[in-house]
PDB file of N, CA and C in Angstrom:
ATOM      1  N   MET A   1      82.382 152.744  73.717  1.00  0.00           N
ATOM      2  CA  MET A   1      82.080 152.224  72.777  1.00  0.00           C
ATOM      3  C   MET A   1      80.753 152.989  73.236  1.00  0.00           C
ATOM      4  N   LYS A   2      80.126 153.322  74.016  1.00  0.00           N
ATOM      5  CA  LYS A   2      78.084 153.737  74.458  1.00  0.00           C
ATOM      6  C   LYS A   2      78.506 154.976  73.211  1.00  0.00           C
ATOM      7  N   GLY A   3      79.774 155.983  73.482  1.00  0.00           N
ATOM      8  CA  GLY A   3      79.645 156.806  71.948  1.00  0.00           C
ATOM      9  C   GLY A   3      79.708 156.933  71.067  1.00  0.00           C
ATOM     10  N   PHE A   4      80.902 156.547  70.871  1.00  0.00           N
ATOM     11  CA  PHE A   4      80.587 156.018  69.760  1.00  0.00           C
ATOM     12  C   PHE A   4      79.122 155.589  68.719  1.00  0.00           C
ATOM     13  N   ILE A   5      78.432 154.377  69.328  1.00  0.00           N
ATOM     14  CA  ILE A   5      76.985 153.782  69.144  1.00  0.00           C
ATOM     15  C   ILE A   5      75.945 155.569  68.695  1.00  0.00           C
ATOM     16  N   LEU A   6      75.820 156.061  70.343  1.00  0.00           N
ATOM     17  CA  LEU A   6      75.330 156.737  69.674  1.00  0.00           C
ATOM     18  C   LEU A   6      74.888 158.123  68.906  1.00  0.00           C
ATOM     19  N   LEU A   7      77.240 158.377  68.219  1.00  0.00           N
ATOM     20  CA  LEU A   7      77.526 159.001  67.081  1.00  0.00           C
ATOM     21  C   LEU A   7      77.226 158.349  66.530  1.00  0.00           C
ATOM     22  N   ALA A   8      76.768 156.930  66.136  1.00  0.00           N
ATOM     23  CA  ALA A   8      76.119 156.465  64.564  1.00  0.00           C
ATOM     24  C   ALA A   8      74.486 156.896  64.474  1.00  0.00           C
ATOM     25  N   PHE A   9      73.839 156.467  64.912  1.00  0.00           N
ATOM     26  CA  PHE A   9      72.630 157.180  66.216  1.00  0.00           C
ATOM     27  C   PHE A   9      72.144 158.515  65.186  1.00  0.00           C
ATOM     28  N   ALA A  10      73.724 159.274  65.590  1.00  0.00           N
ATOM     29  CA  ALA A  10      73.615 160.297  64.700  1.00  0.00           C
ATOM     30  C   ALA A  10      73.031 160.674  63.573  1.00  0.00           C
ATOM     31  N   ILE A  11      74.715 160.386  63.459  1.00  0.00           N
ATOM     32  CA  ILE A  11      74.829 160.161  61.926  1.00  0.00           C
ATOM     33  C   ILE A  11      72.966 159.074  61.060  1.00  0.00           C
ATOM     34  N   VAL A  12      72.892 157.984  61.078  1.00  0.00           N
ATOM     35  CA  VAL A  12      72.144 157.829  59.760  1.00  0.00           C
ATOM     36  C   VAL A  12      70.859 159.569  60.275  1.00  0.00           C
ATOM     37  N   SER A  13      70.102 159.376  61.128  1.00  0.00           N
ATOM     38  CA  SER A  13      69.724 160.782  62.074  1.00  0.00           C
ATOM     39  C   SER A  13      69.458 162.012  60.973  1.00  0.00           C
ATOM     40  N   GLU A  14      71.013 162.311  60.581  1.00  0.00           N
ATOM     41  CA  GLU A  14      71.198 163.384  60.409  1.00  0.00           C
ATOM     42  C   GLU A  14      71.449 162.520  58.346  1.00  0.00           C
ATOM     43  N   VAL A  15      71.424 161.670  58.528  1.00  0.00           N
ATOM     44  CA  VAL A  15      71.160 161.326  56.315  1.00  0.00           C
ATOM     45  C   VAL A  15      70.094 161.617  56.216  1.00  0.00           C
ATOM     46  N   PHE A  16      69.450 160.742  56.570  1.00  0.00           N
ATOM     47  CA  PHE A  16      67.147 160.560  56.728  1.00  0.00           C
ATOM     48  C   PHE A  16      67.433 161.935  56.896  1.00  0.00           C
ATOM     49  N   GLY A  17      67.308 162.765  57.696  1.00  0.00           N
ATOM     50  CA  GLY A  17      67.003 164.267  57.791  1.00  0.00           C
ATOM     51  C   GLY A  17      67.885 164.881  56.330  1.00  0.00           C
ATOM     52  N   THR A  18      68.442 164.858  55.561  1.00  0.00           N
ATOM     53  CA  THR A  18      68.938 165.444  54.049  1.00  0.00           C
ATOM     54  C   THR A  18      68.636 164.193  53.424  1.00  0.00           C
ATOM     55  N   THR A  19      68.232 162.897  52.926  1.00  0.00           N
ATOM     56  CA  THR A  19      66.917 162.225  52.091  1.00  0.00           C
ATOM     57  C   THR A  19      66.391 162.966  52.024  1.00  0.00           C
ATOM     58  N   MET A  20      65.696 163.201  53.306  1.00  0.00           N
ATOM     59  CA  MET A  20      64.116 163.804  52.929  1.00  0.00           C
ATOM     60  C   MET A  20      63.736 165.691  52.565  1.00  0.00           C
ATOM     61  N   LEU A  21      65.367 166.086  52.920  1.00  0.00           N
ATOM     62  CA  LEU A  21      64.727 167.778  52.836  1.00  0.00           C
ATOM     63  C   LEU A  21      64.319 166.832  51.506  1.00  0.00           C
ATOM     64  N   LYS A  22      65.770 166.449  50.397  1.00  0.00           N
ATOM     65  CA  LYS A  22      65.303 166.216  49.252  1.00  0.00           C
ATOM     66  C   LYS A  22      64.522 166.160  48.602  1.00  0.00           C
ATOM     67  N   LEU A  23      63.595 165.426  49.391  1.00  0.00           N
ATOM     68  CA  LEU A  23      62.456 164.165  48.878  1.00  0.00           C
ATOM     69  C   LEU A  23      61.786 165.784  48.965  1.00  0.00           C
ATOM     70  N   SER A  24      61.564 166.162  49.717  1.00  0.00           N
ATOM     71  CA  SER A  24      60.054 167.745  50.121  1.00  0.00           C
ATOM     72  C   SER A  24      60.202 168.369  49.110  1.00  0.00           C
ATOM     73  N   ASP A  25      61.335 168.430  48.455  1.00  0.00           N
ATOM     74  CA  ASP A  25      61.000 169.393  47.381  1.00  0.00           C
ATOM     75  C   ASP A  25      60.359 170.858  48.194  1.00  0.00           C
ATOM     76  N   GLY A  26      61.246 171.285  48.460  1.00  0.00           N
ATOM     77  CA  GLY A  26      61.526 172.186  48.803  1.00  0.00           C
ATOM     78  C   GLY A  26      60.557 172.848  50.366  1.00  0.00           C
ATOM     79  N   PHE A  27      60.616 171.682  50.088  1.00  0.00           N
ATOM     80  CA  PHE A  27      58.976 172.090  51.634  1.00  0.00           C
ATOM     81  C   PHE A  27      57.281 171.858  52.015  1.00  0.00           C
ATOM     82  N   THR A  28      57.670 171.534  50.090  1.00  0.00           N
ATOM     83  CA  THR A  28      56.465 171.384  49.698  1.00  0.00           C
ATOM     84  C   THR A  28      55.227 170.271  49.664  1.00  0.00           C
ATOM     85  N   LYS A  29      55.776 169.304  50.382  1.00  0.00           N
ATOM     86  CA  LYS A  29      55.932 167.774  50.286  1.00  0.00           C
ATOM     87  C   LYS A  29      55.817 167.642  52.212  1.00  0.00           C
ATOM     88  N   VAL A  30      54.722 167.249  52.055  1.00  0.00           N
ATOM     89  CA  VAL A  30      54.339 167.361  53.518  1.00  0.00           C
ATOM     90  C   VAL A  30      55.169 166.038  54.628  1.00  0.00           C
ATOM     91  N   TRP A  31      55.354 165.168  54.194  1.00  0.00           N
ATOM     92  CA  TRP A  31      55.732 164.334  55.292  1.00  0.00           C
ATOM     93  C   TRP A  31      56.871 163.954  54.542  1.00  0.00           C
ATOM     94  N   PRO A  32      57.962 163.608  53.246  1.00  0.00           N
ATOM     95  CA  PRO A  32      59.136 164.236  53.422  1.00  0.00           C
ATOM     96  C   PRO A  32      59.177 165.377  54.405  1.00  0.00           C
ATOM     97  N   SER A  33      58.922 166.955  54.604  1.00  0.00           N
ATOM     98  CA  SER A  33      58.805 167.676  55.265  1.00  0.00           C
ATOM     99  C   SER A  33      58.941 167.454  56.858  1.00  0.00           C
ATOM    100  N   ILE A  34      58.061 166.379  56.935  1.00  0.00           N
ATOM    101  CA  ILE A  34      57.542 166.224  59.156  1.00  0.00           C
ATOM    102  C   ILE A  34      59.351 165.285  58.336  1.00  0.00           C
ATOM    103  N   GLY A  35      59.808 164.231  57.980  1.00  0.00           N
ATOM    104  CA  GLY A  35      60.999 163.667  58.111  1.00  0.00           C
ATOM    105  C   GLY A  35      62.332 164.651  57.825  1.00  0.00           C
ATOM    106  N   VAL A  36      62.373 166.021  57.705  1.00  0.00           N
ATOM    107  CA  VAL A  36      63.514 166.118  57.999  1.00  0.00           C
ATOM    108  C   VAL A  36      63.435 167.172  59.836  1.00  0.00           C
ATOM    109  N   VAL A  37      62.282 167.895  60.467  1.00  0.00           N
ATOM    110  CA  VAL A  37      61.944 168.323  61.382  1.00  0.00           C
ATOM    111  C   VAL A  37      62.693 166.690  62.435  1.00  0.00           C
ATOM    112  N   LEU A  38      62.593 166.036  61.818  1.00  0.00           N
ATOM    113  CA  LEU A  38      62.201 164.350  62.870  1.00  0.00           C
ATOM    114  C   LEU A  38      63.708 163.641  63.137  1.00  0.00           C
ATOM    115  N   GLY A  39      64.232 164.275  61.741  1.00  0.00           N
ATOM    116  CA  GLY A  39      65.872 163.595  61.546  1.00  0.00           C
ATOM    117  C   GLY A  39      66.499 164.340  62.427  1.00  0.00           C
ATOM    118  N   PHE A  40      66.720 165.462  61.857  1.00  0.00           N
ATOM    119  CA  PHE A  40      67.831 166.837  62.542  1.00  0.00           C
ATOM    120  C   PHE A  40      66.942 167.205  63.565  1.00  0.00           C
ATOM    121  N   ALA A  41      66.344 166.682  64.763  1.00  0.00           N
ATOM    122  CA  ALA A  41      65.516 166.617  65.517  1.00  0.00           C
ATOM    123  C   ALA A  41      66.328 165.345  66.199  1.00  0.00           C
ATOM    124  N   SER A  42      66.361 164.258  66.315  1.00  0.00           N
ATOM    125  CA  SER A  42      66.857 162.986  66.260  1.00  0.00           C
ATOM    126  C   SER A  42      68.737 163.793  66.120  1.00  0.00           C
ATOM    127  N   ALA A  43      68.737 163.480  65.244  1.00  0.00           N
ATOM    128  CA  ALA A  43      70.273 164.072  64.457  1.00  0.00           C
ATOM    129  C   ALA A  43      71.508 164.486  65.351  1.00  0.00           C
ATOM    130  N   PHE A  44      70.982 166.059  66.194  1.00  0.00           N
ATOM    131  CA  PHE A  44      71.506 166.901  67.694  1.00  0.00           C
ATOM    132  C   PHE A  44      70.744 166.149  68.990  1.00  0.00           C
ATOM    133  N   TYR A  45      69.512 165.266  68.713  1.00  0.00           N
ATOM    134  CA  TYR A  45      69.035 164.562  69.981  1.00  0.00           C
ATOM    135  C   TYR A  45      70.607 164.135  70.579  1.00  0.00           C
ATOM    136  N   PHE A  46      71.543 162.554  69.601  1.00  0.00           N
ATOM    137  CA  PHE A  46      72.125 161.380  69.628  1.00  0.00           C
ATOM    138  C   PHE A  46      73.706 162.574  69.325  1.00  0.00           C
ATOM    139  N   LEU A  47      73.544 163.855  68.640  1.00  0.00           N
ATOM    140  CA  LEU A  47      74.773 164.128  69.229  1.00  0.00           C
ATOM    141  C   LEU A  47      75.232 164.750  70.558  1.00  0.00           C
ATOM    142  N   SER A  48      74.344 165.718  71.644  1.00  0.00           N
ATOM    143  CA  SER A  48      74.871 166.075  72.047  1.00  0.00           C
ATOM    144  C   SER A  48      74.308 163.979  72.585  1.00  0.00           C
ATOM    145  N   GLN A  49      73.689 164.057  72.703  1.00  0.00           N
ATOM    146  CA  GLN A  49      74.311 162.594  74.253  1.00  0.00           C
ATOM    147  C   GLN A  49      75.330 161.796  74.129  1.00  0.00           C
ATOM    148  N   THR A  50      76.786 162.320  72.288  1.00  0.00           N
ATOM    149  CA  THR A  50      78.012 161.332  72.129  1.00  0.00           C
ATOM    150  C   THR A  50      78.565 162.452  72.680  1.00  0.00           C
ATOM    151  N   LEU A  51      78.187 163.874  72.905  1.00  0.00           N
ATOM    152  CA  LEU A  51      79.223 164.528  73.341  1.00  0.00           C
ATOM    153  C   LEU A  51      78.745 164.420  74.681  1.00  0.00           C
ATOM    154  N   GLN A  52      78.507 163.062  75.821  1.00  0.00           N
ATOM    155  CA  GLN A  52      79.114 163.148  77.268  1.00  0.00           C
ATOM    156  C   GLN A  52      80.057 162.295  77.210  1.00  0.00           C
ATOM    157  N   HIS A  53      80.379 161.533  76.218  1.00  0.00           N
ATOM    158  CA  HIS A  53      81.072 160.745  75.875  1.00  0.00           C
ATOM    159  C   HIS A  53      82.427 160.944  74.874  1.00  0.00           C
ATOM    160  N   LEU A  54      82.134 161.262  74.125  1.00  0.00           N
ATOM    161  CA  LEU A  54      82.968 161.383  73.593  1.00  0.00           C
ATOM    162  C   LEU A  54      83.668 163.904  73.488  1.00  0.00           C
ATOM    163  N   GLN A  55      84.960 163.590  73.127  1.00  0.00           N
ATOM    164  CA  GLN A  55      85.531 165.452  72.387  1.00  0.00           C
ATOM    165  C   GLN A  55      84.573 165.592  71.014  1.00  0.00           C
ATOM    166  N   ILE A  56      84.372 166.511  72.103  1.00  0.00           N
ATOM    167  CA  ILE A  56      83.477 167.819  70.332  1.00  0.00           C
ATOM    168  C   ILE A  56      84.221 167.368  69.202  1.00  0.00           C
ATOM    169  N   SER A  57      85.650 167.805  69.569  1.00  0.00           N
ATOM    170  CA  SER A  57      86.159 167.834  67.635  1.00  0.00           C
ATOM    171  C   SER A  57      86.595 166.735  67.538  1.00  0.00           C
ATOM    172  N   THR A  58      86.706 165.710  68.158  1.00  0.00           N
ATOM    173  CA  THR A  58      86.686 164.007  67.154  1.00  0.00           C
ATOM    174  C   THR A  58      84.625 163.468  67.204  1.00  0.00           C
ATOM    175  N   ALA A  59      84.149 163.957  67.594  1.00  0.00           N
ATOM    176  CA  ALA A  59      82.743 163.060  67.544  1.00  0.00           C
ATOM    177  C   ALA A  59      82.348 164.529  66.110  1.00  0.00           C
ATOM    178  N   TYR A  60      81.950 165.614  66.242  1.00  0.00           N
ATOM    179  CA  TYR A  60      82.135 166.394  65.285  1.00  0.00           C
ATOM    180  C   TYR A  60      82.608 166.295  63.726  1.00  0.00           C
ATOM    181  N   ALA A  61      84.121 165.627  63.786  1.00  0.00           N
ATOM    182  CA  ALA A  61      84.509 165.363  62.826  1.00  0.00           C
ATOM    183  C   ALA A  61      84.512 164.329  61.942  1.00  0.00           C
ATOM    184  N   ILE A  62      83.793 163.042  62.854  1.00  0.00           N
ATOM    185  CA  ILE A  62      83.189 161.886  62.451  1.00  0.00           C
ATOM    186  C   ILE A  62      81.101 162.255  62.000  1.00  0.00           C
ATOM    187  N   TRP A  63      80.887 162.896  62.553  1.00  0.00           N
ATOM    188  CA  TRP A  63      79.686 162.894  61.985  1.00  0.00           C
ATOM    189  C   TRP A  63      79.267 163.579  61.062  1.00  0.00           C
ATOM    190  N   SER A  64      80.005 165.742  60.829  1.00  0.00           N
ATOM    191  CA  SER A  64      80.060 165.697  59.858  1.00  0.00           C
ATOM    192  C   SER A  64      80.834 164.818  58.691  1.00  0.00           C
ATOM    193  N   GLY A  65      82.040 164.220  59.081  1.00  0.00           N
ATOM    194  CA  GLY A  65      82.893 163.403  57.795  1.00  0.00           C
ATOM    195  C   GLY A  65      81.558 162.329  57.832  1.00  0.00           C
ATOM    196  N   VAL A  66      81.534 162.077  57.670  1.00  0.00           N
ATOM    197  CA  VAL A  66      80.616 160.255  57.546  1.00  0.00           C
ATOM    198  C   VAL A  66      79.413 160.057  56.925  1.00  0.00           C
ATOM    199  N   GLY A  67      78.695 161.487  57.871  1.00  0.00           N
ATOM    200  CA  GLY A  67      77.962 161.840  56.852  1.00  0.00           C
ATOM    201  C   GLY A  67      77.624 162.950  55.958  1.00  0.00           C
ATOM    202  N   THR A  68      78.334 163.519  55.877  1.00  0.00           N
ATOM    203  CA  THR A  68      78.570 163.172  54.343  1.00  0.00           C
ATOM    204  C   THR A  68      79.034 163.072  53.760  1.00  0.00           C
ATOM    205  N   ALA A  69      79.631 161.831  53.473  1.00  0.00           N
ATOM    206  CA  ALA A  69      80.151 160.884  52.687  1.00  0.00           C
ATOM    207  C   ALA A  69      78.948 159.714  52.878  1.00  0.00           C
ATOM    208  N   LEU A  70      78.638 159.251  53.415  1.00  0.00           N
ATOM    209  CA  LEU A  70      77.517 158.731  53.683  1.00  0.00           C
ATOM    210  C   LEU A  70      75.878 159.734  51.986  1.00  0.00           C
ATOM    211  N   THR A  71      76.333 160.732  52.312  1.00  0.00           N
ATOM    212  CA  THR A  71      74.612 161.040  52.234  1.00  0.00           C
ATOM    213  C   THR A  71      75.285 161.783  49.908  1.00  0.00           C
ATOM    214  N   ALA A  72      76.769 161.633  49.722  1.00  0.00           N
ATOM    215  CA  ALA A  72      77.223 162.017  48.433  1.00  0.00           C
ATOM    216  C   ALA A  72      76.813 160.230  48.329  1.00  0.00           C
ATOM    217  N   VAL A  73      77.175 159.265  48.410  1.00  0.00           N
ATOM    218  CA  VAL A  73      76.590 158.225  47.894  1.00  0.00           C
ATOM    219  C   VAL A  73      75.663 157.668  47.618  1.00  0.00           C
ATOM    220  N   ILE A  74      74.369 158.211  49.229  1.00  0.00           N
ATOM    221  CA  ILE A  74      72.990 158.204  48.241  1.00  0.00           C
ATOM    222  C   ILE A  74      73.053 159.298  47.285  1.00  0.00           C
ATOM    223  N   GLY A  75      73.234 159.571  47.364  1.00  0.00           N
ATOM    224  CA  GLY A  75      73.454 160.802  45.603  1.00  0.00           C
ATOM    225  C   GLY A  75      73.675 160.025  45.061  1.00  0.00           C
ATOM    226  N   VAL A  76      73.765 159.554  44.539  1.00  0.00           N
ATOM    227  CA  VAL A  76      75.732 158.447  43.144  1.00  0.00           C
ATOM    228  C   VAL A  76      73.993 157.747  43.034  1.00  0.00           C
ATOM    229  N   LEU A  77      73.346 156.929  43.834  1.00  0.00           N
ATOM    230  CA  LEU A  77      72.873 155.796  43.760  1.00  0.00           C
ATOM    231  C   LEU A  77      71.104 156.068  43.770  1.00  0.00           C
ATOM    232  N   ILE A  78      70.542 157.090  43.917  1.00  0.00           N
ATOM    233  CA  ILE A  78      69.301 157.268  44.316  1.00  0.00           C
ATOM    234  C   ILE A  78      69.038 157.918  42.564  1.00  0.00           C
ATOM    235  N   TRP A  79      70.226 158.891  42.792  1.00  0.00           N
ATOM    236  CA  TRP A  79      69.572 161.190  42.703  1.00  0.00           C
ATOM    237  C   TRP A  79      70.688 161.143  41.772  1.00  0.00           C
ATOM    238  N   LYS A  80      71.442 159.320  40.541  1.00  0.00           N
ATOM    239  CA  LYS A  80      72.232 159.310  39.808  1.00  0.00           C
ATOM    240  C   LYS A  80      72.795 160.297  39.565  1.00  0.00           C
ATOM    241  N   ASP A  81      73.791 161.131  40.998  1.00  0.00           N
ATOM    242  CA  ASP A  81      74.658 162.197  41.299  1.00  0.00           C
ATOM    243  C   ASP A  81      75.425 161.705  39.844  1.00  0.00           C
ATOM    244  N   ALA A  82      76.016 162.908  39.588  1.00  0.00           N
ATOM    245  CA  ALA A  82      77.984 162.386  39.072  1.00  0.00           C
ATOM    246  C   ALA A  82      78.653 162.844  40.063  1.00  0.00           C
ATOM    247  N   PHE A  83      79.593 161.045  39.916  1.00  0.00           N
ATOM    248  CA  PHE A  83      80.605 160.419  40.899  1.00  0.00           C
ATOM    249  C   PHE A  83      81.483 160.510  39.824  1.00  0.00           C
ATOM    250  N   THR A  84      82.501 162.090  39.982  1.00  0.00           N
ATOM    251  CA  THR A  84      83.406 161.984  39.384  1.00  0.00           C
ATOM    252  C   THR A  84      85.024 161.540  39.532  1.00  0.00           C
ATOM    253  N   TRP A  85      86.091 162.125  39.527  1.00  0.00           N
ATOM    254  CA  TRP A  85      87.744 161.377  40.496  1.00  0.00           C
ATOM    255  C   TRP A  85      87.326 161.969  41.448  1.00  0.00           C
ATOM    256  N   GLN A  86      87.120 163.831  41.112  1.00  0.00           N
ATOM    257  CA  GLN A  86      87.505 164.937  41.932  1.00  0.00           C
ATOM    258  C   GLN A  86      85.970 163.990  43.628  1.00  0.00           C
ATOM    259  N   THR A  87      84.580 163.733  43.102  1.00  0.00           N
ATOM    260  CA  THR A  87      83.819 163.405  44.434  1.00  0.00           C
ATOM    261  C   THR A  87      84.769 162.549  45.656  1.00  0.00           C
ATOM    262  N   LEU A  88      84.469 161.042  44.795  1.00  0.00           N
ATOM    263  CA  LEU A  88      86.442 160.025  45.088  1.00  0.00           C
ATOM    264  C   LEU A  88      86.810 160.828  45.979  1.00  0.00           C
ATOM    265  N   VAL A  89      88.026 162.163  45.795  1.00  0.00           N
ATOM    266  CA  VAL A  89      89.475 162.192  45.615  1.00  0.00           C
ATOM    267  C   VAL A  89      88.608 163.154  46.793  1.00  0.00           C
ATOM    268  N   GLY A  90      88.009 163.979  46.636  1.00  0.00           N
ATOM    269  CA  GLY A  90      87.140 164.841  48.851  1.00  0.00           C
ATOM    270  C   GLY A  90      86.814 163.246  49.329  1.00  0.00           C
ATOM    271  N   LEU A  91      85.739 162.540  48.849  1.00  0.00           N
ATOM    272  CA  LEU A  91      85.386 161.870  50.784  1.00  0.00           C
ATOM    273  C   LEU A  91      86.334 161.014  50.493  1.00  0.00           C
ATOM    274  N   VAL A  92      87.515 160.788  50.044  1.00  0.00           N
ATOM    275  CA  VAL A  92      88.680 159.568  50.277  1.00  0.00           C
ATOM    276  C   VAL A  92      89.163 161.281  51.597  1.00  0.00           C
ATOM    277  N   LEU A  93      89.679 162.224  50.545  1.00  0.00           N
ATOM    278  CA  LEU A  93      90.785 163.132  52.272  1.00  0.00           C
ATOM    279  C   LEU A  93      90.018 163.195  53.851  1.00  0.00           C
ATOM    280  N   ILE A  94      88.454 162.896  53.118  1.00  0.00           N
ATOM    281  CA  ILE A  94      87.069 162.583  54.589  1.00  0.00           C
ATOM    282  C   ILE A  94      86.673 161.705  55.151  1.00  0.00           C
ATOM    283  N   ILE A  95      87.363 160.867  55.116  1.00  0.00           N
ATOM    284  CA  ILE A  95      87.660 159.582  54.946  1.00  0.00           C
ATOM    285  C   ILE A  95      88.743 159.850  55.946  1.00  0.00           C
ATOM    286  N   GLY A  96      89.476 160.097  55.369  1.00  0.00           N
ATOM    287  CA  GLY A  96      90.915 159.922  55.842  1.00  0.00           C
ATOM    288  C   GLY A  96      91.187 161.462  56.951  1.00  0.00           C
ATOM    289  N   GLY A  97      90.819 162.010  56.669  1.00  0.00           N
ATOM    290  CA  GLY A  97      90.882 162.957  58.225  1.00  0.00           C
ATOM    291  C   GLY A  97      90.882 162.443  59.075  1.00  0.00           C
ATOM    292  N   VAL A  98      89.212 162.016  59.216  1.00  0.00           N
ATOM    293  CA  VAL A  98      88.406 161.555  59.676  1.00  0.00           C
ATOM    294  C   VAL A  98      89.243 160.285  60.734  1.00  0.00           C
ATOM    295  N   VAL A  99      90.098 159.330  59.396  1.00  0.00           N
ATOM    296  CA  VAL A  99      90.596 158.473  60.777  1.00  0.00           C
ATOM    297  C   VAL A  99      91.813 159.430  60.941  1.00  0.00           C
ATOM    298  N   VAL A 100      92.888 159.919  60.073  1.00  0.00           N
ATOM    299  CA  VAL A 100      93.405 160.999  61.172  1.00  0.00           C
ATOM    300  C   VAL A 100      93.746 161.694  62.216  1.00  0.00           C
ATOM    301  N   LEU A 101      92.572 161.898  62.897  1.00  0.00           N
ATOM    302  CA  LEU A 101      92.292 162.483  63.821  1.00  0.00           C
ATOM    303  C   LEU A 101      92.357 161.709  64.829  1.00  0.00           C
ATOM    304  N   ASN A 102      90.864 160.739  64.850  1.00  0.00           N
ATOM    305  CA  ASN A 102      90.794 159.385  65.126  1.00  0.00           C
ATOM    306  C   ASN A 102      91.950 158.667  66.379  1.00  0.00           C
ATOM    307  N   MET A 103      93.376 159.197  65.368  1.00  0.00           N
ATOM    308  CA  MET A 103      94.692 158.240  65.787  1.00  0.00           C
ATOM    309  C   MET A 103      95.517 159.086  67.152  1.00  0.00           C
ATOM    310  N   SER A 104      95.272 160.095  67.338  1.00  0.00           N
ATOM    311  CA  SER A 104      95.684 160.035  68.392  1.00  0.00           C
ATOM    312  C   SER A 104      94.696 159.898  70.101  1.00  0.00           C
ATOM    313  N   GLY A 105      94.059 159.308  69.711  1.00  0.00           N
ATOM    314  CA  GLY A 105      93.403 158.326  70.475  1.00  0.00           C
ATOM    315  C   GLY A 105      92.841 158.851  71.439  1.00  0.00           C
ATOM    316  N   SER A 106      93.103 160.420  70.847  1.00  0.00           N
ATOM    317  CA  SER A 106      91.541 161.382  72.474  1.00  0.00           C
ATOM    318  C   SER A 106      90.304 161.217  72.500  1.00  0.00           C
ATOM    319  N   GLY A 107      89.197 160.121  71.851  1.00  0.00           N
ATOM    320  CA  GLY A 107      88.522 161.031  71.749  1.00  0.00           C
ATOM    321  C   GLY A 107      87.147 161.145  72.451  1.00  0.00           C
ATOM    322  N   ALA A 108      88.034 159.617  73.580  1.00  0.00           N
ATOM    323  CA  ALA A 108      87.100 159.527  75.096  1.00  0.00           C
ATOM    324  C   ALA A 108      86.938 161.129  75.395  1.00  0.00           C
ATOM    325  N   HIS A 109      86.629 161.437  76.735  1.00  0.00           N
ATOM    326  CA  HIS A 109      86.589 161.799  77.547  1.00  0.00           C
ATOM    327  C   HIS A 109      88.073 161.294  78.865  1.00  0.00           C
ATOM    328  N   GLY A 110      87.892 161.614  79.059  1.00  0.00           N
ATOM    329  CA  GLY A 110      89.782 161.796  79.531  1.00  0.00           C
ATOM    330  C   GLY A 110      89.167 161.708  81.663  1.00  0.00           C
TER     331      GLY A 110
END
């Protein structure tokens, strides 16, 4: 359970960093640029802590998949990115892949 809590912090940190990356306008705005550094530094710290509890294949798949899905949703909601059927199918496939990886029950270190 602790591994998944740490992973949630890693995901939120990564999504925050990515959102700040968009707001930094190519690192021309100071505060969002600082947010990028803090977000990604936190994300990798929490991911490194996660790997003490979960297998890397499980942790990385969830981290990248959920992070990608949340970033896409934020893009649609905040920046009005296009939400097409291809976007929906892609997100469903990502989430489905994460679910299939976790069905093996081998997420935690043995």
